[in-house]
Amino acid sequence: MRIHKEGKKILRNSLLILLLLNFILIESVYLAVLNIHIGVPIVVMVGSILLYMWIIYFFRDPLREIALHEEIILSPADGKVVAINQVYEGEYFQAERIQISIFMSPFNVHVNRSPVSGILEYFKYHPGKYLVAFHPKSSTKNERTTAVVKRADGVEILFRQIAGFVARRIKFYPQVGDLIHQGDEVGFIKFGSRLDLFLPLNTDVQVNLGDQVKGGKSVIAKVVSD
């Protein structure tokens, strides 16, 4: 199992902090500085090991074979489909679009991938609040990024990384003008989040509410030709 680059510094710092905490606690009990039962340091040690194992699990970056299908839209993230609506997208399109929202729990892989191949036409980072990621207003109120990829056939797909209640850090790697291939890693959100897709109205949605999807593997939709 690979560890994502975004987690390496956090893992290193977390290990040092947990080791120091356990060392201080054990030494304090041994020297009778703290009047606590000997079992307390053992419980803290076990808890520290479990916490560190979870951090390793969160930052996992599994290898995935991406089968390219230019006519379809792949899931940009692992998680649960929590919304499928027709909405007005006011930042870029300023028109009606089909919105599909994917909630990433702290137990999902948090690597974000491009749903289609094309040129990155637009990107913008928005500072904001930290409402729970499944809140309807999180798409416009939370810290977020907006990216638009234009396919070779001219179809533009917008996807938005949204920080959740726990998340405080969004990473997006490509630059405007870059060629992005379907399934390429484009970003990462730390500790719970959501990703919204905004698709043309002539889209045949292939998922249902409650479906579990995988980034770069699950088919989300297909744009139907006029």
C-alpha atoms as a PDB file:
ATOM      1  CA  MET A   1       0.000   0.000   0.000  1.00  0.00           C
ATOM      2  CA  ARG A   2       1.348   3.396  -0.995  1.00  0.00           C
ATOM      3  CA  ILE A   3       1.139   6.437   1.274  1.00  0.00           C
ATOM      4  CA  HIS A   4       0.075   9.630  -0.458  1.00  0.00           C
ATOM      5  CA  LYS A   5       2.609  12.454  -0.472  1.00  0.00           C
ATOM      6  CA  GLU A   6       0.165  14.721   1.378  1.00  0.00           C
ATOM      7  CA  GLY A   7       0.306  12.403   4.378  1.00  0.00           C
ATOM      8  CA  LYS A   8       4.050  11.925   4.810  1.00  0.00           C
ATOM      9  CA  LYS A   9       4.683  15.095   6.840  1.00  0.00           C
ATOM     10  CA  ILE A  10       1.574  14.522   8.961  1.00  0.00           C
ATOM     11  CA  LEU A  11       2.613  10.930   9.650  1.00  0.00           C
ATOM     12  CA  ARG A  12       6.106  12.004  10.659  1.00  0.00           C
ATOM     13  CA  ASN A  13       4.880  14.765  12.974  1.00  0.00           C
ATOM     14  CA  SER A  14       2.124  12.596  14.442  1.00  0.00           C
ATOM     15  CA  LEU A  15       4.612   9.843  15.257  1.00  0.00           C
ATOM     16  CA  LEU A  16       6.917  12.273  17.072  1.00  0.00           C
ATOM     17  CA  ILE A  17       4.039  13.803  19.060  1.00  0.00           C
ATOM     18  CA  LEU A  18       2.584  10.430  20.063  1.00  0.00           C
ATOM     19  CA  LEU A  19       5.981   9.038  21.060  1.00  0.00           C
ATOM     20  CA  LEU A  20       6.703  12.127  23.142  1.00  0.00           C
ATOM     21  CA  LEU A  21       3.280  11.988  24.805  1.00  0.00           C
ATOM     22  CA  ASN A  22       3.662   8.338  25.725  1.00  0.00           C
ATOM     23  CA  PHE A  23       7.240   8.820  26.943  1.00  0.00           C
ATOM     24  CA  ILE A  24       6.235  11.733  29.209  1.00  0.00           C
ATOM     25  CA  LEU A  25       3.261   9.824  30.591  1.00  0.00           C
ATOM     26  CA  ILE A  26       5.235   6.644  31.312  1.00  0.00           C
ATOM     27  CA  GLU A  27       8.109   8.587  32.906  1.00  0.00           C
ATOM     28  CA  SER A  28       5.666  10.603  35.034  1.00  0.00           C
ATOM     29  CA  VAL A  29       4.037   7.441  36.366  1.00  0.00           C
ATOM     30  CA  TYR A  30       7.408   5.764  36.949  1.00  0.00           C
ATOM     31  CA  LEU A  31       8.712   8.782  38.892  1.00  0.00           C
ATOM     32  CA  ALA A  32       5.377   9.133  40.749  1.00  0.00           C
ATOM     33  CA  VAL A  33       4.886  12.634  39.361  1.00  0.00           C
ATOM     34  CA  LEU A  34       1.324  11.744  38.381  1.00  0.00           C
ATOM     35  CA  ASN A  35      -0.948   9.887  40.793  1.00  0.00           C
ATOM     36  CA  ILE A  36      -2.629   7.671  38.216  1.00  0.00           C
ATOM     37  CA  HIS A  37      -3.024   3.936  37.760  1.00  0.00           C
ATOM     38  CA  ILE A  38      -0.339   2.139  35.734  1.00  0.00           C
ATOM     39  CA  GLY A  39      -3.064   1.000  33.366  1.00  0.00           C
ATOM     40  CA  VAL A  40      -3.601   4.546  32.099  1.00  0.00           C
ATOM     41  CA  PRO A  41      -0.312   4.720  30.136  1.00  0.00           C
ATOM     42  CA  ILE A  42      -1.124   1.324  28.614  1.00  0.00           C
ATOM     43  CA  VAL A  43      -4.532   2.555  27.464  1.00  0.00           C
ATOM     44  CA  VAL A  44      -2.953   5.714  26.033  1.00  0.00           C
ATOM     45  CA  MET A  45      -0.308   3.643  24.249  1.00  0.00           C
ATOM     46  CA  VAL A  46      -2.908   1.364  22.667  1.00  0.00           C
ATOM     47  CA  GLY A  47      -4.985   4.397  21.682  1.00  0.00           C
ATOM     48  CA  SER A  48      -1.914   6.040  20.136  1.00  0.00           C
ATOM     49  CA  ILE A  49      -1.159   2.948  18.058  1.00  0.00           C
ATOM     50  CA  LEU A  50      -4.768   2.747  16.827  1.00  0.00           C
ATOM     51  CA  LEU A  51      -4.817   6.469  15.998  1.00  0.00           C
ATOM     52  CA  TYR A  52      -1.560   6.225  14.059  1.00  0.00           C
ATOM     53  CA  MET A  53      -2.797   3.187  12.153  1.00  0.00           C
ATOM     54  CA  TRP A  54      -5.935   5.139  11.188  1.00  0.00           C
ATOM     55  CA  ILE A  55      -3.861   8.085   9.924  1.00  0.00           C
ATOM     56  CA  ILE A  56      -1.837   5.659   7.786  1.00  0.00           C
ATOM     57  CA  TYR A  57      -5.112   4.170   6.503  1.00  0.00           C
ATOM     58  CA  PHE A  58      -6.535   7.597   5.683  1.00  0.00           C
ATOM     59  CA  PHE A  59      -3.548   8.602   3.556  1.00  0.00           C
ATOM     60  CA  ARG A  60      -3.444   5.355   1.588  1.00  0.00           C
ATOM     61  CA  ASP A  61      -3.054   5.752  -2.163  1.00  0.00           C
ATOM     62  CA  PRO A  62      -4.000   2.453  -3.812  1.00  0.00           C
ATOM     63  CA  LEU A  63      -2.772   1.688  -7.296  1.00  0.00           C
ATOM     64  CA  ARG A  64      -5.634   1.629  -9.790  1.00  0.00           C
ATOM     65  CA  GLU A  65      -5.875   0.541 -13.390  1.00  0.00           C
ATOM     66  CA  ILE A  66      -7.815   3.262 -15.196  1.00  0.00           C
ATOM     67  CA  ALA A  67      -9.702   2.117 -18.297  1.00  0.00           C
ATOM     68  CA  LEU A  68     -10.120   5.199 -20.509  1.00  0.00           C
ATOM     69  CA  HIS A  69     -13.574   5.754 -21.969  1.00  0.00           C
ATOM     70  CA  GLU A  70     -13.695   9.189 -23.549  1.00  0.00           C
ATOM     71  CA  GLU A  71     -17.468   9.121 -24.009  1.00  0.00           C
ATOM     72  CA  ILE A  72     -18.228   8.610 -20.307  1.00  0.00           C
ATOM     73  CA  ILE A  73     -17.627  10.514 -17.082  1.00  0.00           C
ATOM     74  CA  LEU A  74     -15.784   8.621 -14.370  1.00  0.00           C
ATOM     75  CA  SER A  75     -16.132   9.255 -10.663  1.00  0.00           C
ATOM     76  CA  PRO A  76     -13.602  11.844  -9.464  1.00  0.00           C
ATOM     77  CA  ALA A  77     -13.586  10.448  -5.918  1.00  0.00           C
ATOM     78  CA  ASP A  78     -14.348   7.525  -3.641  1.00  0.00           C
ATOM     79  CA  GLY A  79     -17.484   7.928  -1.577  1.00  0.00           C
ATOM     80  CA  LYS A  80     -21.263   7.946  -1.469  1.00  0.00           C
ATOM     81  CA  VAL A  81     -23.571   9.705  -3.926  1.00  0.00           C
ATOM     82  CA  VAL A  82     -25.579  12.093  -1.724  1.00  0.00           C
ATOM     83  CA  ALA A  83     -27.224  14.392  -4.277  1.00  0.00           C
ATOM     84  CA  ILE A  84     -28.442  14.305  -7.882  1.00  0.00           C
ATOM     85  CA  ASN A  85     -30.189  17.553  -8.765  1.00  0.00           C
ATOM     86  CA  GLN A  86     -30.736  20.045 -11.539  1.00  0.00           C
ATOM     87  CA  VAL A  87     -29.359  23.341 -10.232  1.00  0.00           C
ATOM     88  CA  TYR A  88     -28.225  26.758 -11.402  1.00  0.00           C
ATOM     89  CA  GLU A  89     -24.403  26.892 -11.518  1.00  0.00           C
ATOM     90  CA  GLY A  90     -23.509  30.551 -11.119  1.00  0.00           C
ATOM     91  CA  GLU A  91     -19.730  30.682 -10.950  1.00  0.00           C
ATOM     92  CA  TYR A  92     -18.697  29.510 -14.415  1.00  0.00           C
ATOM     93  CA  PHE A  93     -21.592  28.334 -16.597  1.00  0.00           C
ATOM     94  CA  GLN A  94     -24.254  30.698 -15.240  1.00  0.00           C
ATOM     95  CA  ALA A  95     -26.800  28.188 -16.456  1.00  0.00           C
ATOM     96  CA  GLU A  96     -28.684  25.087 -15.353  1.00  0.00           C
ATOM     97  CA  ARG A  97     -26.620  21.949 -14.849  1.00  0.00           C
ATOM     98  CA  ILE A  98     -27.010  18.486 -13.353  1.00  0.00           C
ATOM     99  CA  GLN A  99     -25.210  18.384 -10.026  1.00  0.00           C
ATOM    100  CA  ILE A 100     -23.945  15.069  -8.651  1.00  0.00           C
ATOM    101  CA  SER A 101     -22.396  15.211  -5.185  1.00  0.00           C
ATOM    102  CA  ILE A 102     -20.082  12.585  -3.689  1.00  0.00           C
ATOM    103  CA  PHE A 103     -19.462  12.586   0.071  1.00  0.00           C
ATOM    104  CA  MET A 104     -16.073  11.285   1.192  1.00  0.00           C
ATOM    105  CA  SER A 105     -16.085  10.027   4.765  1.00  0.00           C
ATOM    106  CA  PRO A 106     -12.842   9.936   6.805  1.00  0.00           C
ATOM    107  CA  PHE A 107     -12.604   6.242   5.865  1.00  0.00           C
ATOM    108  CA  ASN A 108     -12.619   6.741   2.084  1.00  0.00           C
ATOM    109  CA  VAL A 109      -9.575   7.169  -0.140  1.00  0.00           C
ATOM    110  CA  HIS A 110      -9.240  10.952  -0.521  1.00  0.00           C
ATOM    111  CA  VAL A 111      -7.333  11.109  -3.801  1.00  0.00           C
ATOM    112  CA  ASN A 112      -9.271  13.162  -6.374  1.00  0.00           C
ATOM    113  CA  ARG A 113      -9.127  12.248 -10.065  1.00  0.00           C
ATOM    114  CA  SER A 114     -10.159  13.926 -13.298  1.00  0.00           C
ATOM    115  CA  PRO A 115     -13.517  12.568 -14.511  1.00  0.00           C
ATOM    116  CA  VAL A 116     -12.651  13.249 -18.178  1.00  0.00           C
ATOM    117  CA  SER A 117      -9.707  13.974 -20.448  1.00  0.00           C
ATOM    118  CA  GLY A 118      -9.161  17.489 -21.746  1.00  0.00           C
ATOM    119  CA  ILE A 119      -7.663  20.910 -21.135  1.00  0.00           C
ATOM    120  CA  LEU A 120      -8.006  22.606 -17.744  1.00  0.00           C
ATOM    121  CA  GLU A 121      -9.904  25.721 -18.861  1.00  0.00           C
ATOM    122  CA  TYR A 122     -10.619  27.276 -15.483  1.00  0.00           C
ATOM    123  CA  PHE A 123      -9.527  26.990 -11.851  1.00  0.00           C
ATOM    124  CA  LYS A 124     -10.259  29.053  -8.764  1.00  0.00           C
ATOM    125  CA  TYR A 125      -9.720  28.585  -5.037  1.00  0.00           C
ATOM    126  CA  HIS A 126     -12.380  29.960  -2.667  1.00  0.00           C
ATOM    127  CA  PRO A 127     -11.728  30.371   1.067  1.00  0.00           C
ATOM    128  CA  GLY A 128     -14.844  29.779   3.129  1.00  0.00           C
ATOM    129  CA  LYS A 129     -16.619  28.124   6.028  1.00  0.00           C
ATOM    130  CA  TYR A 130     -16.433  24.535   7.266  1.00  0.00           C
ATOM    131  CA  LEU A 131     -20.015  23.320   7.324  1.00  0.00           C
ATOM    132  CA  VAL A 132     -20.474  19.558   7.358  1.00  0.00           C
ATOM    133  CA  ALA A 133     -19.737  18.366   3.819  1.00  0.00           C
ATOM    134  CA  PHE A 134     -23.217  16.935   3.221  1.00  0.00           C
ATOM    135  CA  HIS A 135     -24.876  20.287   4.065  1.00  0.00           C
ATOM    136  CA  PRO A 136     -26.644  21.680   0.937  1.00  0.00           C
ATOM    137  CA  LYS A 137     -24.928  25.076   1.300  1.00  0.00           C
ATOM    138  CA  SER A 138     -21.423  23.621   1.608  1.00  0.00           C
ATOM    139  CA  SER A 139     -21.082  23.753  -2.197  1.00  0.00           C
ATOM    140  CA  THR A 140     -21.179  27.569  -2.130  1.00  0.00           C
ATOM    141  CA  LYS A 141     -20.209  28.467   1.455  1.00  0.00           C
ATOM    142  CA  ASN A 142     -17.310  26.158   2.368  1.00  0.00           C
ATOM    143  CA  GLU A 143     -13.646  26.361   1.475  1.00  0.00           C
ATOM    144  CA  ARG A 144     -13.549  24.920  -2.039  1.00  0.00           C
ATOM    145  CA  THR A 145     -11.953  24.848  -5.465  1.00  0.00           C
ATOM    146  CA  THR A 146     -13.658  24.969  -8.850  1.00  0.00           C
ATOM    147  CA  ALA A 147     -12.078  23.336 -11.899  1.00  0.00           C
ATOM    148  CA  VAL A 148     -13.397  23.039 -15.461  1.00  0.00           C
ATOM    149  CA  VAL A 149     -12.010  20.521 -17.958  1.00  0.00           C
ATOM    150  CA  LYS A 150     -12.887  20.940 -21.649  1.00  0.00           C
ATOM    151  CA  ARG A 151     -13.020  17.702 -23.589  1.00  0.00           C
ATOM    152  CA  ALA A 152     -11.867  17.362 -27.204  1.00  0.00           C
ATOM    153  CA  ASP A 153     -15.514  17.452 -28.334  1.00  0.00           C
ATOM    154  CA  GLY A 154     -16.022  20.817 -26.632  1.00  0.00           C
ATOM    155  CA  VAL A 155     -18.041  19.511 -23.667  1.00  0.00           C
ATOM    156  CA  GLU A 156     -17.033  21.214 -20.427  1.00  0.00           C
ATOM    157  CA  ILE A 157     -17.202  19.372 -17.098  1.00  0.00           C
ATOM    158  CA  LEU A 158     -16.981  21.304 -13.832  1.00  0.00           C
ATOM    159  CA  PHE A 159     -15.969  19.640 -10.605  1.00  0.00           C
ATOM    160  CA  ARG A 160     -15.630  21.230  -7.211  1.00  0.00           C
ATOM    161  CA  GLN A 161     -13.568  20.071  -4.216  1.00  0.00           C
ATOM    162  CA  ILE A 162     -15.319  21.058  -0.991  1.00  0.00           C
ATOM    163  CA  ALA A 163     -13.789  21.004   2.477  1.00  0.00           C
ATOM    164  CA  GLY A 164     -15.909  19.440   5.197  1.00  0.00           C
ATOM    165  CA  PHE A 165     -16.297  20.059   8.919  1.00  0.00           C
ATOM    166  CA  VAL A 166     -12.986  18.354   9.696  1.00  0.00           C
ATOM    167  CA  ALA A 167     -11.041  19.178   6.537  1.00  0.00           C
ATOM    168  CA  ARG A 168      -8.911  22.286   6.507  1.00  0.00           C
ATOM    169  CA  ARG A 169      -6.682  21.655   3.543  1.00  0.00           C
ATOM    170  CA  ILE A 170      -7.476  21.238  -0.140  1.00  0.00           C
ATOM    171  CA  LYS A 171      -4.778  20.495  -2.711  1.00  0.00           C
ATOM    172  CA  PHE A 172      -5.164  20.819  -6.486  1.00  0.00           C
ATOM    173  CA  TYR A 173      -2.137  20.151  -8.681  1.00  0.00           C
ATOM    174  CA  PRO A 174      -2.727  20.994 -12.405  1.00  0.00           C
ATOM    175  CA  GLN A 175      -2.449  24.520 -13.816  1.00  0.00           C
ATOM    176  CA  VAL A 176      -4.842  26.222 -16.227  1.00  0.00           C
ATOM    177  CA  GLY A 177      -3.906  25.158 -19.761  1.00  0.00           C
ATOM    178  CA  ASP A 178      -2.613  21.731 -18.710  1.00  0.00           C
ATOM    179  CA  LEU A 179      -3.740  18.626 -20.569  1.00  0.00           C
ATOM    180  CA  ILE A 180      -5.357  16.250 -18.091  1.00  0.00           C
ATOM    181  CA  HIS A 181      -6.086  12.606 -18.815  1.00  0.00           C
ATOM    182  CA  GLN A 182      -9.153  10.821 -17.509  1.00  0.00           C
ATOM    183  CA  GLY A 183      -8.373   9.231 -14.154  1.00  0.00           C
ATOM    184  CA  ASP A 184      -5.277  11.361 -13.530  1.00  0.00           C
ATOM    185  CA  GLU A 185      -4.746  12.390  -9.930  1.00  0.00           C
ATOM    186  CA  VAL A 186      -5.581  16.096  -9.695  1.00  0.00           C
ATOM    187  CA  GLY A 187      -5.856  16.739  -5.971  1.00  0.00           C
ATOM    188  CA  PHE A 188      -6.395  15.638  -2.400  1.00  0.00           C
ATOM    189  CA  ILE A 189      -8.623  16.771   0.492  1.00  0.00           C
ATOM    190  CA  LYS A 190      -7.584  15.997   4.044  1.00  0.00           C
ATOM    191  CA  PHE A 191      -9.968  14.481   6.604  1.00  0.00           C
ATOM    192  CA  GLY A 192     -13.546  14.326   5.343  1.00  0.00           C
ATOM    193  CA  SER A 193     -14.950  16.250   2.404  1.00  0.00           C
ATOM    194  CA  ARG A 194     -17.186  16.312  -0.672  1.00  0.00           C
ATOM    195  CA  LEU A 195     -16.830  16.597  -4.425  1.00  0.00           C
ATOM    196  CA  ASP A 196     -19.500  18.035  -6.733  1.00  0.00           C
ATOM    197  CA  LEU A 197     -19.808  17.431 -10.467  1.00  0.00           C
ATOM    198  CA  PHE A 198     -21.752  19.817 -12.724  1.00  0.00           C
ATOM    199  CA  LEU A 199     -22.760  18.158 -15.983  1.00  0.00           C
ATOM    200  CA  PRO A 200     -24.659  19.250 -19.113  1.00  0.00           C
ATOM    201  CA  LEU A 201     -28.412  18.764 -19.054  1.00  0.00           C
ATOM    202  CA  ASN A 202     -28.168  16.213 -21.898  1.00  0.00           C
ATOM    203  CA  THR A 203     -26.452  13.795 -19.531  1.00  0.00           C
ATOM    204  CA  ASP A 204     -27.497  10.213 -18.928  1.00  0.00           C
ATOM    205  CA  VAL A 205     -26.798   9.715 -15.209  1.00  0.00           C
ATOM    206  CA  GLN A 206     -25.587   6.194 -14.408  1.00  0.00           C
ATOM    207  CA  VAL A 207     -25.699   6.330 -10.587  1.00  0.00           C
ATOM    208  CA  ASN A 208     -28.409   6.569  -7.943  1.00  0.00           C
ATOM    209  CA  LEU A 209     -28.615   8.217  -4.534  1.00  0.00           C
ATOM    210  CA  GLY A 210     -26.784   6.137  -1.954  1.00  0.00           C
ATOM    211  CA  ASP A 211     -24.488   4.405  -4.444  1.00  0.00           C
ATOM    212  CA  GLN A 212     -20.879   3.832  -3.361  1.00  0.00           C
ATOM    213  CA  VAL A 213     -18.439   4.900  -6.081  1.00  0.00           C
ATOM    214  CA  LYS A 214     -14.687   4.691  -6.655  1.00  0.00           C
ATOM    215  CA  GLY A 215     -12.522   7.384  -8.184  1.00  0.00           C
ATOM    216  CA  GLY A 216     -11.363   6.561 -11.696  1.00  0.00           C
ATOM    217  CA  LYS A 217     -13.368   3.317 -11.722  1.00  0.00           C
ATOM    218  CA  SER A 218     -17.105   3.957 -11.356  1.00  0.00           C
ATOM    219  CA  VAL A 219     -19.090   5.356 -14.286  1.00  0.00           C
ATOM    220  CA  ILE A 220     -21.033   8.435 -13.179  1.00  0.00           C
ATOM    221  CA  ALA A 221     -22.678   9.529 -16.421  1.00  0.00           C
ATOM    222  CA  LYS A 222     -22.560   9.769 -20.197  1.00  0.00           C
ATOM    223  CA  VAL A 223     -23.153  12.949 -22.163  1.00  0.00           C
ATOM    224  CA  VAL A 224     -25.767  12.181 -24.819  1.00  0.00           C
ATOM    225  CA  SER A 225     -25.155  13.719 -28.246  1.00  0.00           C
ATOM    226  CA  ASP A 226     -27.843  16.093 -29.533  1.00  0.00           C
END
